[in-house]
N, C-alpha and C. Protein backbone atom coordinates (compact mmCIF):
# COMPACT_ATOMS: atom_id res chain seq x y z
N MET A 1 113.71 119.13 84.10
CA MET A 1 112.17 119.47 85.03
C MET A 1 111.28 118.69 85.03
N GLN A 2 110.69 117.74 85.95
CA GLN A 2 109.77 116.96 86.03
C GLN A 2 108.61 117.08 86.06
N THR A 3 108.15 116.65 84.99
CA THR A 3 106.68 116.58 85.10
C THR A 3 105.77 115.62 85.75
N ILE A 4 104.41 116.39 85.92
CA ILE A 4 103.89 116.41 87.49
C ILE A 4 103.64 114.94 87.75
N THR A 5 103.61 113.91 86.32
CA THR A 5 103.13 112.56 86.38
C THR A 5 104.53 111.56 87.75
N GLU A 6 105.79 111.83 87.34
CA GLU A 6 107.10 111.86 88.14
C GLU A 6 106.68 112.59 89.07
N LYS A 7 106.19 113.89 89.40
CA LYS A 7 106.56 114.15 91.20
C LYS A 7 105.94 113.90 91.70
N ILE A 8 104.02 113.44 91.18
CA ILE A 8 103.55 112.33 92.17
C ILE A 8 103.78 110.99 92.38
N SER A 9 105.04 110.43 91.17
CA SER A 9 104.81 108.64 91.31
C SER A 9 105.99 109.11 92.52
N GLU A 10 106.94 110.27 92.07
CA GLU A 10 108.68 110.22 93.51
C GLU A 10 107.74 110.14 94.60
N LEU A 11 106.58 111.32 95.31
CA LEU A 11 105.43 111.17 95.90
C LEU A 11 105.09 110.04 97.05
N ALA A 12 104.07 108.99 96.47
CA ALA A 12 103.53 108.25 96.16
C ALA A 12 105.46 106.78 96.77
N GLN A 13 105.81 107.01 95.96
CA GLN A 13 107.41 106.25 96.51
C GLN A 13 107.58 106.61 97.46
N GLU A 14 108.15 107.78 98.30
CA GLU A 14 108.23 108.23 99.86
C GLU A 14 107.03 107.44 100.28
N CYS A 15 105.79 107.70 100.14
CA CYS A 15 104.50 107.10 101.30
C CYS A 15 104.88 105.52 101.06
N ALA A 16 105.26 104.56 100.06
CA ALA A 16 105.45 103.34 100.27
C ALA A 16 105.65 102.48 100.45
N LEU A 17 107.52 103.39 100.51
CA LEU A 17 108.99 103.61 101.46
C LEU A 17 107.89 102.91 102.61
N SER A 18 107.71 103.41 103.51
CA SER A 18 107.52 102.95 105.13
C SER A 18 106.18 102.12 104.93
N HIS A 19 105.34 101.19 104.21
CA HIS A 19 104.22 100.83 104.13
C HIS A 19 105.85 99.27 103.25
N GLU A 20 106.31 99.23 102.77
CA GLU A 20 107.10 97.27 102.38
C GLU A 20 105.90 97.59 100.94
N VAL A 21 106.35 98.61 100.02
CA VAL A 21 104.91 98.20 98.86
C VAL A 21 106.14 99.54 97.78
N PHE A 22 106.08 98.68 96.76
CA PHE A 22 106.54 99.51 95.78
C PHE A 22 105.88 100.72 94.69
N VAL A 23 105.73 102.17 93.79
CA VAL A 23 104.48 102.47 93.07
C VAL A 23 105.06 101.02 91.74
N VAL A 24 104.14 100.88 91.08
CA VAL A 24 103.84 100.38 89.73
C VAL A 24 103.83 101.10 88.28
N ASP A 25 102.99 102.51 88.84
CA ASP A 25 102.19 102.94 88.01
C ASP A 25 101.14 104.56 88.38
N VAL A 26 101.61 105.28 87.93
CA VAL A 26 101.02 105.99 88.15
C VAL A 26 100.26 106.85 86.86
N GLU A 27 98.95 107.00 86.66
CA GLU A 27 97.68 107.44 85.51
C GLU A 27 97.09 108.02 86.20
N LEU A 28 97.33 109.61 85.46
CA LEU A 28 96.35 110.81 85.41
C LEU A 28 95.35 110.57 84.49
N LYS A 29 94.12 110.67 85.06
CA LYS A 29 92.69 110.90 83.27
C LYS A 29 92.11 112.07 83.58
N SER A 30 91.61 112.58 82.19
CA SER A 30 91.57 113.80 81.88
C SER A 30 90.38 113.21 81.63
N THR A 31 89.60 112.71 83.40
CA THR A 31 88.16 112.68 83.18
C THR A 31 87.22 114.08 83.93
N GLN A 32 86.05 114.06 84.28
CA GLN A 32 85.51 115.31 85.51
C GLN A 32 84.95 114.39 85.90
N PRO A 33 85.46 114.36 87.18
CA PRO A 33 86.82 115.10 87.61
C PRO A 33 88.23 114.61 87.21
N LYS A 34 89.24 114.79 87.12
CA LYS A 34 90.43 114.10 87.25
C LYS A 34 90.55 112.92 87.80
N GLU A 35 90.77 111.73 87.13
CA GLU A 35 91.27 110.88 88.19
C GLU A 35 92.55 110.20 87.99
N LEU A 36 93.19 110.44 89.01
CA LEU A 36 94.82 110.02 89.33
C LEU A 36 94.35 108.54 90.75
N TRP A 37 95.49 107.92 89.35
CA TRP A 37 95.64 106.01 89.83
C TRP A 37 96.91 106.03 90.06
N VAL A 38 96.96 105.11 91.58
CA VAL A 38 98.40 105.14 92.20
C VAL A 38 98.33 103.47 91.76
N PHE A 39 99.44 102.93 91.48
CA PHE A 39 99.02 101.58 91.86
C PHE A 39 100.31 100.79 92.24
N LEU A 40 100.23 100.38 93.25
CA LEU A 40 101.48 99.48 94.23
C LEU A 40 101.18 98.32 94.70
N ASP A 41 102.85 97.41 94.61
CA ASP A 41 102.63 95.94 94.79
C ASP A 41 103.90 95.50 95.51
N LYS A 42 103.64 93.99 95.99
CA LYS A 42 104.74 94.49 97.14
C LYS A 42 105.37 92.92 96.45
N GLU A 43 106.35 92.42 96.76
CA GLU A 43 107.04 91.64 96.13
C GLU A 43 106.51 90.11 96.39
N HIS A 44 106.40 89.77 97.80
CA HIS A 44 106.18 88.47 97.76
C HIS A 44 104.85 88.43 98.70
N GLU A 45 103.85 89.53 98.44
CA GLU A 45 102.23 89.00 98.84
C GLU A 45 101.53 90.01 97.90
N ASP A 46 100.37 90.20 98.33
CA ASP A 46 99.45 91.50 98.13
C ASP A 46 99.26 92.09 98.89
N VAL A 47 98.63 93.18 97.98
CA VAL A 47 99.06 94.76 99.09
C VAL A 47 97.21 95.03 99.56
N SER A 48 97.08 94.72 100.62
CA SER A 48 96.17 94.94 101.65
C SER A 48 96.08 96.29 100.98
N ILE A 49 93.95 95.79 101.66
CA ILE A 49 93.26 97.52 100.90
C ILE A 49 93.56 98.35 101.91
N ASP A 50 93.95 97.85 103.60
CA ASP A 50 94.63 99.02 104.30
C ASP A 50 95.92 99.73 104.01
N VAL A 51 96.35 99.58 103.43
CA VAL A 51 97.74 100.08 102.71
C VAL A 51 97.30 100.56 101.92
N CYS A 52 96.72 100.43 101.13
CA CYS A 52 96.34 101.54 100.01
C CYS A 52 95.37 102.53 100.51
N SER A 53 95.16 102.47 101.44
CA SER A 53 93.89 103.30 102.79
C SER A 53 95.15 104.91 102.56
N LYS A 54 96.11 103.43 103.67
CA LYS A 54 96.79 104.85 104.79
C LYS A 54 97.64 105.58 103.11
N ILE A 55 98.00 104.57 102.11
CA ILE A 55 99.30 105.54 101.45
C ILE A 55 98.29 106.20 100.88
N SER A 56 96.81 106.13 100.80
CA SER A 56 96.05 107.31 100.04
C SER A 56 95.98 109.15 100.40
N ARG A 57 95.41 108.69 101.56
CA ARG A 57 95.69 109.40 102.49
C ARG A 57 96.50 110.12 102.87
N GLU A 58 98.03 109.12 103.36
CA GLU A 58 99.61 109.70 103.83
C GLU A 58 99.47 111.47 101.55
N LEU A 59 99.39 110.28 100.99
CA LEU A 59 99.49 111.06 99.07
C LEU A 59 98.48 111.97 99.53
N GLY A 60 97.68 111.97 99.47
CA GLY A 60 96.72 113.29 99.57
C GLY A 60 97.36 114.72 100.46
N PHE A 61 98.26 114.04 101.64
CA PHE A 61 98.61 115.19 102.46
C PHE A 61 99.87 116.32 102.33
N LEU A 62 100.27 114.40 101.14
CA LEU A 62 101.95 115.49 100.51
C LEU A 62 101.80 116.29 98.92
N LEU A 63 100.57 115.85 98.33
CA LEU A 63 100.18 116.59 97.47
C LEU A 63 100.11 118.39 97.76
N ASP A 64 98.77 118.44 98.55
CA ASP A 64 99.25 119.25 99.02
C ASP A 64 99.99 120.15 99.33
N ALA A 65 100.87 119.58 100.71
CA ALA A 65 102.37 119.79 101.25
C ALA A 65 103.14 120.64 100.09
N HIS A 66 103.34 120.28 98.63
CA HIS A 66 104.38 120.36 97.83
C HIS A 66 103.37 120.48 96.71
N ASP A 67 102.39 120.76 96.52
CA ASP A 67 101.55 122.24 95.82
C ASP A 67 101.17 121.26 94.60
N VAL A 68 101.41 120.38 94.65
CA VAL A 68 101.23 119.94 93.16
C VAL A 68 99.50 119.95 92.71
N ASP A 69 99.56 121.28 91.98
CA ASP A 69 98.06 121.56 91.48
C ASP A 69 97.36 120.66 91.00
N LEU A 70 96.39 119.26 90.62
CA LEU A 70 95.54 119.25 89.72
C LEU A 70 94.51 119.64 89.55
N GLY A 71 94.03 120.50 90.23
CA GLY A 71 92.58 121.14 90.54
C GLY A 71 91.53 120.20 90.63
N THR A 72 90.83 119.72 91.05
CA THR A 72 89.94 119.15 91.52
C THR A 72 90.28 117.45 90.96
N PHE A 73 90.31 116.79 91.77
CA PHE A 73 90.74 115.52 91.23
C PHE A 73 90.12 114.57 92.08
N ARG A 74 90.34 112.99 91.67
CA ARG A 74 90.11 112.38 92.60
C ARG A 74 91.20 111.34 92.58
N LEU A 75 91.96 111.07 94.00
CA LEU A 75 92.70 110.13 94.29
C LEU A 75 92.17 108.31 93.72
N ASN A 76 92.83 107.48 93.51
CA ASN A 76 93.09 106.16 93.07
C ASN A 76 94.12 105.40 94.13
N VAL A 77 94.20 104.85 95.05
CA VAL A 77 95.22 103.92 94.61
C VAL A 77 94.38 102.05 95.03
N SER A 78 95.49 101.47 94.29
CA SER A 78 95.10 100.69 93.94
C SER A 78 96.21 99.37 93.77
N SER A 79 96.11 98.34 94.39
CA SER A 79 97.09 97.26 93.46
C SER A 79 96.94 97.05 92.18
N PRO A 80 97.39 96.68 91.53
CA PRO A 80 97.47 96.90 89.96
C PRO A 80 96.35 95.80 89.38
N GLY A 81 96.50 94.59 89.71
CA GLY A 81 95.09 93.61 89.50
C GLY A 81 95.34 92.92 88.34
N LEU A 82 94.98 92.08 88.40
CA LEU A 82 95.61 90.56 86.73
C LEU A 82 95.58 91.39 85.36
N SER A 83 94.20 92.66 85.22
CA SER A 83 94.38 93.45 84.22
C SER A 83 95.72 93.51 83.73
N ARG A 84 96.57 93.99 84.47
CA ARG A 84 97.64 95.18 84.18
C ARG A 84 98.83 94.81 83.83
N PRO A 85 99.15 94.75 82.44
CA PRO A 85 101.06 94.00 83.00
C PRO A 85 101.74 94.58 83.63
N LEU A 86 102.86 92.71 84.06
CA LEU A 86 103.68 93.31 84.29
C LEU A 86 105.10 94.67 84.42
N SER A 87 105.03 95.36 84.89
CA SER A 87 106.01 96.36 84.75
C SER A 87 107.64 96.33 85.37
N ASP A 88 107.24 96.01 86.33
CA ASP A 88 108.61 96.07 87.26
C ASP A 88 108.79 94.68 87.75
N LEU A 89 110.25 94.46 87.34
CA LEU A 89 111.46 92.31 88.06
C LEU A 89 110.71 92.05 89.52
N ARG A 90 110.52 93.73 90.53
CA ARG A 90 110.07 93.27 91.26
C ARG A 90 108.61 92.50 91.69
N GLN A 91 107.89 92.95 90.78
CA GLN A 91 106.63 91.82 90.53
C GLN A 91 106.61 89.90 90.37
N PHE A 92 107.01 89.96 89.81
CA PHE A 92 107.95 88.59 89.45
C PHE A 92 107.78 87.10 90.37
N PRO A 93 108.79 87.68 91.52
CA PRO A 93 108.78 86.90 92.21
C PRO A 93 107.75 86.19 92.26
N LYS A 94 106.77 86.91 93.17
CA LYS A 94 105.66 85.85 93.78
C LYS A 94 104.68 85.97 93.17
N ASN A 95 104.79 85.52 91.79
CA ASN A 95 104.14 85.00 90.15
C ASN A 95 104.81 83.68 89.98
N ILE A 96 105.80 83.63 90.43
CA ILE A 96 106.31 81.56 90.37
C ILE A 96 105.39 81.32 90.06
N GLY A 97 105.44 80.37 88.82
CA GLY A 97 104.39 79.12 89.00
C GLY A 97 102.91 79.57 88.27
N ARG A 98 103.50 80.55 87.89
CA ARG A 98 101.47 80.87 87.74
C ARG A 98 101.56 81.41 85.83
N THR A 99 100.77 81.04 85.32
CA THR A 99 100.99 81.00 83.75
C THR A 99 100.82 82.90 82.89
N CYS A 100 101.86 82.80 82.73
CA CYS A 100 102.31 84.16 81.62
C CYS A 100 102.21 84.09 79.91
N ARG A 101 102.09 85.14 80.59
CA ARG A 101 101.36 85.37 78.68
C ARG A 101 102.65 86.71 78.04
N ILE A 102 103.61 86.38 77.55
CA ILE A 102 105.09 87.86 77.69
C ILE A 102 105.90 87.72 75.64
N ARG A 103 105.69 89.16 75.48
CA ARG A 103 106.15 89.54 74.32
C ARG A 103 107.48 90.11 74.89
N TYR A 104 107.89 89.63 74.24
CA TYR A 104 110.36 90.03 74.22
C TYR A 104 110.14 90.40 72.96
N ARG A 105 111.40 91.57 73.07
CA ARG A 105 112.23 91.54 71.55
C ARG A 105 113.66 90.74 71.86
N VAL A 106 113.82 89.77 70.63
CA VAL A 106 114.71 88.84 70.11
C VAL A 106 116.28 89.70 69.89
N ASN A 107 115.21 90.58 69.25
CA ASN A 107 116.32 91.57 68.35
C ASN A 107 115.89 92.71 68.13
N PRO A 108 116.85 93.33 67.97
CA PRO A 108 115.51 94.36 66.88
C PRO A 108 115.26 94.69 65.71
N GLU A 109 114.79 93.43 65.48
CA GLU A 109 113.70 93.42 63.87
C GLU A 109 112.93 92.82 64.64
N LEU A 110 113.55 91.21 65.85
CA LEU A 110 112.27 90.28 66.11
C LEU A 110 111.69 90.33 67.32
N VAL A 111 110.52 90.52 67.35
CA VAL A 111 109.40 90.30 68.70
C VAL A 111 109.18 88.86 68.52
N GLN A 112 109.15 88.54 69.88
CA GLN A 112 108.48 86.50 69.92
C GLN A 112 107.92 86.94 70.95
N LYS A 113 106.26 86.22 71.30
CA LYS A 113 105.76 85.94 71.75
C LYS A 113 105.44 84.59 72.26
N ASP A 114 105.22 84.48 73.81
CA ASP A 114 105.50 82.97 74.87
C ASP A 114 103.98 82.82 75.15
N THR A 115 103.73 81.94 75.90
CA THR A 115 103.01 81.78 77.11
C THR A 115 103.31 81.00 77.97
N GLY A 116 103.72 81.22 78.60
CA GLY A 116 104.14 79.64 79.81
C GLY A 116 104.07 80.17 81.51
N LYS A 117 104.91 79.12 82.40
CA LYS A 117 105.34 79.69 83.59
C LYS A 117 106.26 79.42 84.44
N ILE A 118 105.96 80.87 84.73
CA ILE A 118 107.32 81.49 85.37
C ILE A 118 107.69 80.58 86.37
N GLN A 119 109.47 79.77 85.58
CA GLN A 119 110.55 79.42 86.85
C GLN A 119 111.50 79.64 87.89
N GLY A 120 111.69 81.35 87.60
CA GLY A 120 112.71 81.44 87.96
C GLY A 120 112.44 83.17 88.15
N VAL A 121 113.09 83.57 88.98
CA VAL A 121 113.75 85.12 88.60
C VAL A 121 115.20 85.49 89.30
N ASN A 122 115.88 86.26 88.57
CA ASN A 122 116.76 86.85 89.71
C ASN A 122 116.80 87.95 89.24
N GLU A 123 118.45 88.50 89.09
CA GLU A 123 118.20 90.24 88.92
C GLU A 123 118.13 90.72 87.98
N ASP A 124 118.07 90.81 87.16
CA ASP A 124 118.02 90.41 85.67
C ASP A 124 116.45 90.40 84.59
N LYS A 125 117.03 89.25 84.80
CA LYS A 125 116.42 88.21 83.79
C LYS A 125 115.35 87.45 84.54
N ILE A 126 113.88 86.35 83.70
CA ILE A 126 113.15 86.04 84.10
C ILE A 126 113.34 84.62 83.31
N LEU A 127 113.03 83.62 83.99
CA LEU A 127 112.89 81.83 83.70
C LEU A 127 111.05 81.54 83.46
N LEU A 128 111.11 81.36 81.88
CA LEU A 128 109.58 80.54 81.66
C LEU A 128 109.75 79.30 80.66
N ASN A 129 108.83 78.38 81.16
CA ASN A 129 109.01 77.15 80.81
C ASN A 129 107.48 76.88 80.38
N VAL A 130 108.23 77.10 78.30
CA VAL A 130 107.35 76.92 77.73
C VAL A 130 107.13 75.33 76.77
N GLU A 131 106.40 74.53 77.59
CA GLU A 131 106.18 73.30 76.76
C GLU A 131 106.90 72.22 76.97
N GLY A 132 107.76 72.63 78.67
CA GLY A 132 109.23 72.08 78.51
C GLY A 132 110.45 72.28 78.30
N GLU A 133 109.57 73.72 77.52
CA GLU A 133 111.39 73.66 77.26
C GLU A 133 111.61 75.75 77.84
N LEU A 134 112.99 75.90 78.44
CA LEU A 134 113.14 76.16 79.26
C LEU A 134 113.97 77.40 78.37
N ILE A 135 113.48 79.16 78.97
CA ILE A 135 113.21 80.11 78.40
C ILE A 135 113.36 81.02 78.88
N THR A 136 114.88 81.76 78.84
CA THR A 136 116.23 82.55 79.67
C THR A 136 115.83 83.73 79.12
N ILE A 137 114.78 85.14 79.82
CA ILE A 137 114.67 86.10 78.80
C ILE A 137 115.11 87.76 79.56
N ALA A 138 115.86 88.06 78.95
CA ALA A 138 116.06 89.54 79.90
C ALA A 138 114.91 90.72 80.62
N PHE A 139 114.76 91.61 82.23
CA PHE A 139 114.19 92.16 81.86
C PHE A 139 113.32 93.45 80.79
N ASP A 140 114.82 93.81 79.97
CA ASP A 140 114.88 95.25 79.97
C ASP A 140 114.75 94.28 78.12
N GLN A 141 114.48 93.09 77.85
CA GLN A 141 113.80 92.67 76.63
C GLN A 141 112.56 92.50 76.63
N ILE A 142 111.92 92.57 77.35
CA ILE A 142 110.25 92.64 78.20
C ILE A 142 109.45 93.54 76.97
N LEU A 143 109.07 93.73 76.49
CA LEU A 143 107.71 94.18 75.85
C LEU A 143 106.11 94.03 76.99
N GLU A 144 105.52 93.53 77.35
CA GLU A 144 104.56 92.69 78.08
C GLU A 144 104.76 91.63 78.57
N ALA A 145 104.39 91.79 79.70
CA ALA A 145 104.24 90.49 80.52
C ALA A 145 102.99 90.63 81.32
N LYS A 146 101.91 89.91 80.83
CA LYS A 146 100.43 89.24 81.94
C LYS A 146 100.38 88.34 82.21
N ILE A 147 100.37 88.29 83.59
CA ILE A 147 99.51 87.05 84.05
C ILE A 147 97.97 86.01 84.17
N ILE A 148 98.43 85.09 82.69
CA ILE A 148 97.05 84.27 82.36
C ILE A 148 95.47 83.67 84.29
N PRO A 149 94.96 84.07 83.88
CA PRO A 149 94.27 83.30 85.59
C PRO A 149 93.58 82.29 84.82
N THR A 150 94.23 81.18 86.19
CA THR A 150 93.42 79.90 85.86
C THR A 150 92.60 79.73 86.62
N ILE A 151 91.56 79.16 86.37
CA ILE A 151 90.33 78.59 87.89
C ILE A 151 90.24 77.02 87.89
């Protein structure tokens, strides 16, 4: 049986596909009123406010049409922003050349932390340049990856 967050994510993905974006995360916060956050991203460019607004309206209608009962809630549709970790492999290509702090599992007992520039991405790995040394990290080893803003 699907959780309410999984159902919302599925409906949000339906909306996202028609706008060439994808759902990165869905969060339901137990505030008063509840806050539903849907985070979207795009493979090669940033998500526009216009797209977020359109998806917000479409998703609101879909939630009503599918009787997703959240009670009173506030719907927020946004791009993830720099404070959120990269959680989908499709987020990495547009960040090639940017500095990334990454925590990943080397083996079952060892977790490694590195900071470097993302050099490349293929179907299931990223290439990170750490002080001139190229490190290949499988996506399924990544525990957390955050872009470090540079000024």
